[in-house]
Amino acid sequence: MRERQAGDTLSTMSTPEIERELGGILIPRRGNRPMVRGEGCWLWDDQDRRYLDLTSAHGTAPLGHSHPALVRAISEQAERLIALSSSFFNDSRAAVLAELAKHLPQHFAHIFLCNSGTEAVEAALKFATLTTGRSGWVALKRGFHGRSLGALGVTWSTRFRKPFAELLHPTTFVTPNDLDELERAITAETSAFIAEPVQGESGVLPVQAEFLCRAQELCKHHGALFVADEIQTGFGRTGSWFAHTESGIEPDLMVLAKGIAGGFPMGAVAMSKPVAEALRPGLHGTTFGGGPLASSAAIATLQTLAEEDLPAVAGEQGNYLLGELGNAIGDYTLVRELRGRGLMVGIELRKKVAPFLSQLMEEHNLLALPAGPTVLRLLPALIVTREQIDQAVKAIAAVLE
């Protein structure tokens, strides 16, 4: 980080310098140019250099950047009403609840709207505790559910947990797909078991259907609740509206965010009727959750996903992407494993991934993500084209070669 020089003012510093100086303590930035414009799967920096974005804003923009339906919905709503607390009824909130209910598995009878995935996890864990009257949580090793204190309690990484260990809720962590560990972990003391159908932040690791089904059986047997974390996998990312449905399970709660409103901040908790009946007014709440702008953005996103059948498209394009990557880099010594589901793809390397991400950005104008120290992660918008996939595969092959 450049030291501020004598005579420097905010007006004389560049955008990256200001962000590093004032806002760069917690979040490291990538690249040296600010991104200022987006359209579809493309981003432009302030020098009008164009990048192929295979991150879709960390999976939050399934329709790509500045989709016309999303822009129109937000603009029209902003002219009518921007802010309204959840203490009052609102037409946009009612409409997004009805639209979301169309796509949820039928056993989810109620929905709580909030502002982010972490907020949704916090709420779901509270709801499970209120429903069961228990305090034991079970989660998966390598799972990621957020970094606020409640969500951090079920997040595996010691890097995030260690500084706050004394404040965290006690949780039993189970190795994914290890049925013996699972049998020992879920007991009559368990309030909630939480799992991602595909572990995203730790390396794009699908969890076996057999394991998830057994977890549901054990939860039912012991009176615990199953929480499906679909924050990254939901809304078509893996080829289905929700990834857990591919395993044939019916969780008691499902936490949602990222793609729900096309990039506008929003989260949600879907819950079964027994969970909803255990709650009462005042036990949890939100000021901004389900606000008019977020609700309008979500309505436009959900309707577009359905009208263009983008979950099915994501499945087809994901198969094409995995196939082309397999043909191009499958025999590279550097590549340890290629895996994914739909348009959620991980390339596990035998070296640290950071230098390759920088090379992709600087030399090939391609944006990708890490998932742990050695996995190159791709989360393109669901509207990505075959031509763009071919361009990405060519660049990735060149860099990894």
Protein backbone atom coordinates (compact mmCIF):
# COMPACT_ATOMS: atom_id res chain seq x y z
CA MET A 1 0.00 0.00 0.00
CA ARG A 2 1.41 3.41 -0.96
CA GLU A 3 2.10 5.64 2.02
CA ARG A 4 0.20 8.91 1.93
CA GLN A 5 2.61 11.67 0.94
CA ALA A 6 2.81 15.19 2.33
CA GLY A 7 0.30 17.33 0.50
CA ASP A 8 -1.85 14.36 -0.54
CA THR A 9 -5.60 14.88 -0.28
CA LEU A 10 -8.43 12.55 -1.17
CA SER A 11 -9.06 14.66 -4.23
CA THR A 12 -5.52 14.04 -5.53
CA MET A 13 -5.49 10.29 -4.84
CA SER A 14 -6.66 7.66 -7.32
CA THR A 15 -9.64 5.36 -6.67
CA PRO A 16 -7.39 2.36 -5.78
CA GLU A 17 -5.31 4.56 -3.45
CA ILE A 18 -8.40 5.80 -1.63
CA GLU A 19 -9.81 2.28 -1.27
CA ARG A 20 -6.53 0.92 0.06
CA GLU A 21 -6.04 3.87 2.39
CA LEU A 22 -9.53 4.08 3.83
CA GLY A 23 -11.27 0.78 3.10
CA GLY A 24 -8.58 -1.81 2.47
CA ILE A 25 -7.99 -3.10 5.99
CA LEU A 26 -10.27 -6.15 5.76
CA ILE A 27 -10.78 -6.74 2.05
CA PRO A 28 -7.81 -7.16 -0.31
CA ARG A 29 -8.46 -5.83 -3.81
CA ARG A 30 -7.42 -7.46 -7.08
CA GLY A 31 -5.83 -5.62 -9.96
CA ASN A 32 -4.84 -1.97 -10.14
CA ARG A 33 -7.76 -0.48 -12.05
CA PRO A 34 -11.27 0.23 -10.72
CA MET A 35 -14.17 -1.45 -12.51
CA VAL A 36 -16.71 1.14 -13.60
CA ARG A 37 -19.18 -0.51 -15.97
CA GLY A 38 -20.71 -3.89 -16.74
CA GLU A 39 -22.94 -5.50 -19.34
CA GLY A 40 -23.84 -9.17 -19.44
CA CYS A 41 -20.66 -11.19 -18.82
CA TRP A 42 -18.36 -8.23 -19.46
CA LEU A 43 -16.78 -5.64 -17.15
CA TRP A 44 -14.87 -2.49 -18.10
CA ASP A 45 -12.29 -0.63 -16.03
CA ASP A 46 -11.75 3.14 -15.99
CA GLN A 47 -9.36 2.86 -18.96
CA ASP A 48 -12.11 1.16 -21.02
CA ARG A 49 -10.31 -2.19 -20.91
CA ARG A 50 -12.82 -5.03 -21.21
CA TYR A 51 -12.75 -8.21 -19.11
CA LEU A 52 -14.68 -11.46 -19.45
CA ASP A 53 -16.19 -11.90 -15.98
CA LEU A 54 -16.51 -15.53 -14.86
CA THR A 55 -17.25 -14.50 -11.26
CA SER A 56 -20.69 -12.88 -11.78
CA ALA A 57 -19.96 -10.69 -8.75
CA HIS A 58 -19.15 -13.73 -6.62
CA GLY A 59 -22.20 -15.54 -7.91
CA THR A 60 -24.65 -12.77 -7.07
CA ALA A 61 -25.45 -11.80 -10.67
CA PRO A 62 -26.97 -14.83 -12.42
CA LEU A 63 -28.39 -12.56 -15.14
CA GLY A 64 -25.03 -10.88 -15.68
CA HIS A 65 -24.34 -7.19 -15.19
CA SER A 66 -27.03 -4.54 -15.70
CA HIS A 67 -29.61 -6.87 -17.20
CA PRO A 68 -32.35 -4.73 -18.80
CA ALA A 69 -35.18 -6.35 -16.81
CA LEU A 70 -33.32 -5.72 -13.56
CA VAL A 71 -32.42 -2.14 -14.41
CA ARG A 72 -36.02 -1.41 -15.41
CA ALA A 73 -37.49 -2.94 -12.25
CA ILE A 74 -35.16 -1.04 -9.91
CA SER A 75 -35.63 2.24 -11.78
CA GLU A 76 -39.41 2.02 -11.81
CA GLN A 77 -39.54 1.08 -8.13
CA ALA A 78 -37.16 3.89 -7.15
CA GLU A 79 -39.56 6.38 -8.70
CA ARG A 80 -42.44 5.01 -6.60
CA LEU A 81 -40.96 4.09 -3.20
CA ILE A 82 -37.40 3.38 -2.04
CA ALA A 83 -37.58 2.71 1.68
CA LEU A 84 -40.25 1.18 3.89
CA SER A 85 -39.79 -0.69 7.15
CA SER A 86 -41.11 -4.22 7.46
CA SER A 87 -43.65 -2.93 10.00
CA PHE A 88 -45.92 -2.00 7.07
CA PHE A 89 -47.38 -4.10 4.26
CA ASN A 90 -45.96 -3.45 0.80
CA ASP A 91 -47.00 -4.57 -2.66
CA SER A 92 -43.46 -5.37 -3.82
CA ARG A 93 -42.73 -7.49 -0.76
CA ALA A 94 -45.95 -9.43 -1.20
CA ALA A 95 -45.17 -9.95 -4.88
CA VAL A 96 -41.65 -11.28 -4.27
CA LEU A 97 -42.91 -13.66 -1.57
CA ALA A 98 -45.50 -15.02 -4.00
CA GLU A 99 -42.95 -15.29 -6.82
CA LEU A 100 -40.39 -17.03 -4.63
CA ALA A 101 -43.00 -19.46 -3.31
CA LYS A 102 -43.66 -20.64 -6.90
CA HIS A 103 -40.15 -22.07 -7.11
CA LEU A 104 -39.63 -23.38 -3.58
CA PRO A 105 -40.22 -27.05 -2.74
CA GLN A 106 -43.82 -27.27 -1.53
CA HIS A 107 -43.00 -28.23 2.07
CA PHE A 108 -41.56 -24.75 2.69
CA ALA A 109 -44.58 -22.90 4.01
CA HIS A 110 -43.09 -19.59 5.20
CA ILE A 111 -40.30 -17.18 4.22
CA PHE A 112 -38.27 -14.64 6.20
CA LEU A 113 -36.62 -11.93 4.09
CA CYS A 114 -33.33 -10.32 5.12
CA ASN A 115 -30.29 -8.70 3.51
CA SER A 116 -27.51 -11.26 3.08
CA GLY A 117 -26.52 -14.91 3.30
CA THR A 118 -24.86 -14.49 6.66
CA GLU A 119 -28.01 -12.88 8.05
CA ALA A 120 -30.04 -15.79 6.71
CA VAL A 121 -27.75 -18.31 8.43
CA GLU A 122 -27.96 -16.39 11.72
CA ALA A 123 -31.75 -16.40 11.51
CA ALA A 124 -31.98 -20.09 10.60
CA LEU A 125 -29.80 -21.15 13.53
CA LYS A 126 -31.92 -19.05 15.88
CA PHE A 127 -35.12 -20.52 14.45
CA ALA A 128 -33.79 -24.06 14.89
CA THR A 129 -32.87 -23.38 18.50
CA LEU A 130 -36.30 -21.87 19.19
CA THR A 131 -38.05 -24.82 17.53
CA THR A 132 -36.12 -27.63 19.24
CA GLY A 133 -35.23 -26.00 22.55
CA ARG A 134 -31.70 -27.38 22.09
CA SER A 135 -28.31 -25.80 21.59
CA GLY A 136 -26.17 -28.43 19.81
CA TRP A 137 -25.08 -27.68 16.25
CA VAL A 138 -23.51 -30.07 13.73
CA ALA A 139 -21.76 -28.81 10.58
CA LEU A 140 -19.32 -30.06 7.97
CA LYS A 141 -15.56 -29.75 7.90
CA ARG A 142 -14.53 -27.33 5.14
CA GLY A 143 -18.02 -25.77 5.24
CA PHE A 144 -18.47 -22.01 5.04
CA HIS A 145 -21.59 -20.23 6.28
CA GLY A 146 -20.47 -16.69 7.11
CA ARG A 147 -18.24 -14.71 9.45
CA SER A 148 -20.58 -13.09 11.97
CA LEU A 149 -20.46 -14.76 15.38
CA GLY A 150 -23.39 -17.14 14.99
CA ALA A 151 -22.59 -18.14 11.41
CA LEU A 152 -18.90 -18.34 12.27
CA GLY A 153 -19.81 -20.97 14.85
CA VAL A 154 -20.67 -23.40 12.02
CA THR A 155 -17.88 -22.27 9.67
CA TRP A 156 -14.96 -24.70 9.66
CA SER A 157 -11.86 -22.64 8.88
CA THR A 158 -9.62 -22.08 11.91
CA ARG A 159 -8.27 -18.99 10.12
CA PHE A 160 -11.64 -17.32 10.65
CA ARG A 161 -12.54 -18.99 13.95
CA LYS A 162 -9.37 -18.77 16.05
CA PRO A 163 -9.45 -15.06 17.00
CA PHE A 164 -13.01 -15.45 18.32
CA ALA A 165 -12.89 -19.02 19.64
CA GLU A 166 -14.08 -18.16 23.16
CA LEU A 167 -17.17 -16.41 21.79
CA LEU A 168 -18.31 -19.08 19.36
CA HIS A 169 -21.17 -21.52 19.80
CA PRO A 170 -19.89 -25.09 20.37
CA THR A 171 -20.27 -27.10 17.16
CA THR A 172 -19.44 -30.67 16.18
CA PHE A 173 -17.75 -30.83 12.76
CA VAL A 174 -18.10 -33.91 10.58
CA THR A 175 -16.02 -34.99 7.59
CA PRO A 176 -18.21 -34.73 4.47
CA ASN A 177 -19.42 -38.13 3.19
CA ASP A 178 -18.19 -39.95 6.35
CA LEU A 179 -21.30 -41.80 7.51
CA ASP A 180 -19.69 -43.14 10.70
CA GLU A 181 -18.79 -39.66 11.91
CA LEU A 182 -22.28 -38.46 11.00
CA GLU A 183 -23.92 -41.23 13.05
CA ARG A 184 -21.92 -40.23 16.13
CA ALA A 185 -22.44 -36.50 15.71
CA ILE A 186 -26.24 -36.13 15.34
CA THR A 187 -27.85 -37.03 18.68
CA ALA A 188 -30.80 -36.20 20.89
CA GLU A 189 -28.89 -33.06 21.93
CA THR A 190 -28.63 -31.72 18.37
CA SER A 191 -30.65 -28.66 17.45
CA ALA A 192 -29.52 -28.24 13.83
CA PHE A 193 -27.40 -29.87 11.16
CA ILE A 194 -26.28 -27.45 8.44
CA ALA A 195 -24.66 -28.27 5.11
CA GLU A 196 -24.00 -26.87 1.64
CA PRO A 197 -24.99 -29.34 -1.13
CA VAL A 198 -21.80 -28.22 -2.86
CA GLN A 199 -19.14 -26.68 -0.64
CA GLY A 200 -18.20 -23.49 -2.47
CA GLU A 201 -15.59 -21.47 -0.61
CA SER A 202 -13.49 -24.50 0.29
CA GLY A 203 -13.05 -25.76 -3.26
CA VAL A 204 -16.32 -26.59 -5.09
CA LEU A 205 -16.78 -29.95 -3.37
CA PRO A 206 -20.12 -31.75 -4.00
CA VAL A 207 -21.52 -33.61 -1.00
CA GLN A 208 -22.79 -37.11 -1.78
CA ALA A 209 -26.56 -37.64 -1.94
CA GLU A 210 -26.29 -40.73 0.26
CA PHE A 211 -24.65 -38.68 2.99
CA LEU A 212 -27.27 -35.91 2.86
CA CYS A 213 -30.13 -38.44 2.90
CA ARG A 214 -28.68 -40.17 5.94
CA ALA A 215 -28.24 -36.81 7.68
CA GLN A 216 -31.93 -36.10 7.11
CA GLU A 217 -32.90 -39.51 8.50
CA LEU A 218 -30.81 -38.95 11.63
CA CYS A 219 -32.25 -35.47 12.12
CA LYS A 220 -35.80 -36.81 11.93
CA HIS A 221 -34.98 -39.70 14.27
CA HIS A 222 -33.48 -37.41 16.92
CA GLY A 223 -35.85 -34.46 16.46
CA ALA A 224 -33.15 -32.19 15.06
CA LEU A 225 -33.58 -29.82 12.12
CA PHE A 226 -31.79 -29.97 8.77
CA VAL A 227 -30.64 -26.60 7.37
CA ALA A 228 -29.68 -26.54 3.68
CA ASP A 229 -27.29 -23.72 2.83
CA GLU A 230 -28.15 -22.79 -0.77
CA ILE A 231 -26.59 -19.33 -0.64
CA GLN A 232 -24.13 -20.06 -3.45
CA THR A 233 -25.84 -23.05 -5.08
CA GLY A 234 -29.40 -21.74 -5.30
CA PHE A 235 -31.35 -20.16 -8.17
CA GLY A 236 -30.07 -22.34 -10.99
CA ARG A 237 -26.36 -22.27 -10.32
CA THR A 238 -25.97 -26.08 -10.36
CA GLY A 239 -28.57 -26.82 -13.04
CA SER A 240 -31.58 -26.99 -10.70
CA TRP A 241 -33.42 -24.22 -8.91
CA PHE A 242 -31.97 -25.59 -5.66
CA ALA A 243 -29.12 -28.09 -5.50
CA HIS A 244 -30.43 -30.09 -2.54
CA THR A 245 -33.42 -31.27 -4.59
CA GLU A 246 -30.99 -33.30 -6.71
CA SER A 247 -30.36 -35.44 -3.61
CA GLY A 248 -34.05 -36.03 -2.87
CA ILE A 249 -34.03 -34.47 0.61
CA GLU A 250 -36.53 -32.11 2.25
CA PRO A 251 -34.70 -29.86 4.71
CA ASP A 252 -36.57 -28.07 7.47
CA LEU A 253 -34.94 -24.75 6.64
CA MET A 254 -33.15 -23.39 3.58
CA VAL A 255 -30.98 -20.27 3.57
CA LEU A 256 -30.78 -18.20 0.38
CA ALA A 257 -28.97 -15.11 -0.89
CA LYS A 258 -26.44 -14.22 -3.64
CA GLY A 259 -28.41 -14.77 -6.88
CA ILE A 260 -31.86 -14.12 -5.41
CA ALA A 261 -32.03 -10.46 -6.52
CA GLY A 262 -29.60 -10.38 -9.43
CA GLY A 263 -26.83 -8.63 -7.48
CA PHE A 264 -29.00 -6.41 -5.26
CA PRO A 265 -28.40 -7.27 -1.55
CA MET A 266 -31.02 -9.71 -0.31
CA GLY A 267 -31.29 -12.93 1.68
CA ALA A 268 -34.07 -15.26 2.76
CA VAL A 269 -34.89 -18.18 5.02
CA ALA A 270 -37.48 -20.68 3.80
CA MET A 271 -38.95 -22.80 6.57
CA SER A 272 -41.39 -25.63 7.09
CA LYS A 273 -44.69 -25.10 8.89
CA PRO A 274 -43.52 -26.66 12.20
CA VAL A 275 -40.60 -24.21 12.34
CA ALA A 276 -42.83 -21.23 11.59
CA GLU A 277 -45.29 -22.29 14.27
CA ALA A 278 -42.52 -22.21 16.88
CA LEU A 279 -41.79 -18.53 16.18
CA ARG A 280 -43.61 -15.52 17.51
CA PRO A 281 -43.51 -11.79 16.72
CA GLY A 282 -40.54 -9.91 18.15
CA LEU A 283 -38.12 -12.83 18.48
CA HIS A 284 -36.29 -11.77 15.31
CA GLY A 285 -36.58 -8.90 12.89
CA THR A 286 -35.07 -6.73 10.19
CA THR A 287 -35.16 -3.06 9.20
CA PHE A 288 -34.16 -3.33 5.55
CA GLY A 289 -35.14 -6.93 4.79
CA GLY A 290 -37.65 -7.22 1.96
CA GLY A 291 -37.49 -3.50 1.19
CA PRO A 292 -39.15 -2.20 -1.99
CA LEU A 293 -35.99 -1.95 -4.11
CA ALA A 294 -34.66 -5.37 -3.13
CA SER A 295 -38.06 -6.96 -3.64
CA SER A 296 -38.46 -5.44 -7.10
CA ALA A 297 -34.98 -6.60 -8.09
CA ALA A 298 -35.76 -10.11 -6.87
CA ILE A 299 -39.08 -10.25 -8.75
CA ALA A 300 -37.35 -9.32 -12.02
CA THR A 301 -34.57 -11.84 -11.39
CA LEU A 302 -36.86 -14.75 -10.51
CA GLN A 303 -39.20 -14.08 -13.43
CA THR A 304 -36.30 -13.89 -15.89
CA LEU A 305 -34.74 -17.08 -14.54
CA ALA A 306 -38.07 -18.84 -15.06
CA GLU A 307 -38.99 -17.32 -18.44
CA GLU A 308 -35.60 -18.17 -19.97
CA ASP A 309 -35.35 -21.51 -18.12
CA LEU A 310 -31.87 -20.48 -16.98
CA PRO A 311 -31.43 -23.27 -14.39
CA ALA A 312 -31.69 -25.84 -17.21
CA VAL A 313 -29.44 -23.69 -19.40
CA ALA A 314 -26.88 -23.58 -16.59
CA GLY A 315 -26.87 -27.37 -16.47
CA GLU A 316 -26.24 -27.63 -20.20
CA GLN A 317 -23.62 -24.90 -20.30
CA GLY A 318 -21.94 -26.31 -17.22
CA ASN A 319 -21.60 -29.71 -18.87
CA TYR A 320 -20.10 -28.03 -21.92
CA LEU A 321 -17.67 -26.01 -19.78
CA LEU A 322 -16.51 -29.06 -17.83
CA GLY A 323 -16.15 -31.08 -21.02
CA GLU A 324 -14.11 -28.42 -22.80
CA LEU A 325 -11.90 -27.89 -19.73
CA GLY A 326 -11.37 -31.65 -19.50
CA ASN A 327 -10.29 -31.78 -23.14
CA ALA A 328 -8.00 -28.76 -22.77
CA ILE A 329 -6.33 -29.22 -19.39
CA GLY A 330 -7.38 -32.66 -18.14
CA ASP A 331 -3.92 -34.14 -18.70
CA TYR A 332 -1.93 -31.18 -17.35
CA THR A 333 0.41 -32.20 -14.53
CA LEU A 334 -0.45 -28.98 -12.72
CA VAL A 335 -4.15 -29.93 -12.52
CA ARG A 336 -4.97 -32.23 -9.61
CA GLU A 337 -8.73 -32.46 -10.20
CA LEU A 338 -11.51 -30.85 -12.24
CA ARG A 339 -14.95 -30.88 -10.62
CA GLY A 340 -18.22 -29.04 -10.47
CA ARG A 341 -21.96 -29.03 -10.99
CA GLY A 342 -23.69 -26.78 -13.48
CA LEU A 343 -21.98 -23.41 -13.71
CA MET A 344 -20.12 -23.90 -10.44
CA VAL A 345 -16.71 -25.26 -11.40
CA GLY A 346 -13.46 -25.81 -9.51
CA ILE A 347 -10.01 -26.56 -10.93
CA GLU A 348 -7.80 -27.87 -8.15
CA LEU A 349 -4.12 -27.20 -8.78
CA ARG A 350 -0.90 -28.55 -7.32
CA LYS A 351 0.27 -24.98 -6.68
CA LYS A 352 -1.12 -21.81 -5.16
CA VAL A 353 -3.84 -20.36 -7.37
CA ALA A 354 -3.25 -16.63 -6.76
CA PRO A 355 -0.52 -16.11 -9.40
CA PHE A 356 -2.64 -17.80 -12.05
CA LEU A 357 -5.64 -15.59 -11.24
CA SER A 358 -3.46 -12.50 -11.62
CA GLN A 359 -2.06 -13.78 -14.91
CA LEU A 360 -5.56 -14.47 -16.25
CA MET A 361 -6.62 -10.95 -15.39
CA GLU A 362 -3.53 -9.10 -16.57
CA GLU A 363 -2.65 -11.08 -19.71
CA HIS A 364 -6.00 -12.50 -20.86
CA ASN A 365 -8.60 -10.04 -19.50
CA LEU A 366 -10.35 -12.90 -17.70
CA LEU A 367 -11.74 -12.70 -14.16
CA ALA A 368 -11.99 -15.83 -11.99
CA LEU A 369 -12.08 -16.60 -8.27
CA PRO A 370 -10.10 -18.62 -5.74
CA ALA A 371 -11.74 -21.27 -3.56
CA GLY A 372 -9.19 -22.02 -0.89
CA PRO A 373 -5.47 -21.66 -1.62
CA THR A 374 -5.21 -24.00 -4.63
CA VAL A 375 -8.59 -24.03 -6.41
CA LEU A 376 -9.49 -21.83 -9.37
CA ARG A 377 -13.25 -21.28 -9.21
CA LEU A 378 -15.59 -20.31 -12.03
CA LEU A 379 -19.05 -18.86 -11.31
CA PRO A 380 -20.12 -17.33 -14.62
CA ALA A 381 -23.50 -15.73 -15.11
CA LEU A 382 -26.16 -18.18 -16.23
CA ILE A 383 -26.42 -16.26 -19.51
CA VAL A 384 -22.81 -17.06 -20.50
CA THR A 385 -22.48 -18.09 -24.16
CA ARG A 386 -20.57 -20.97 -25.76
CA GLU A 387 -18.31 -18.43 -27.44
CA GLN A 388 -17.44 -16.89 -24.09
CA ILE A 389 -16.85 -20.34 -22.59
CA ASP A 390 -14.49 -21.19 -25.45
CA GLN A 391 -12.60 -17.94 -24.90
CA ALA A 392 -12.28 -18.69 -21.18
CA VAL A 393 -11.10 -22.27 -21.72
CA LYS A 394 -8.45 -21.09 -24.18
CA ALA A 395 -7.14 -18.51 -21.70
CA ILE A 396 -7.13 -20.93 -18.76
CA ALA A 397 -5.32 -23.56 -20.82
CA ALA A 398 -2.68 -21.04 -21.87
CA VAL A 399 -2.04 -19.91 -18.29
CA LEU A 400 -1.96 -23.37 -16.73
CA GLU A 401 0.24 -24.73 -19.52
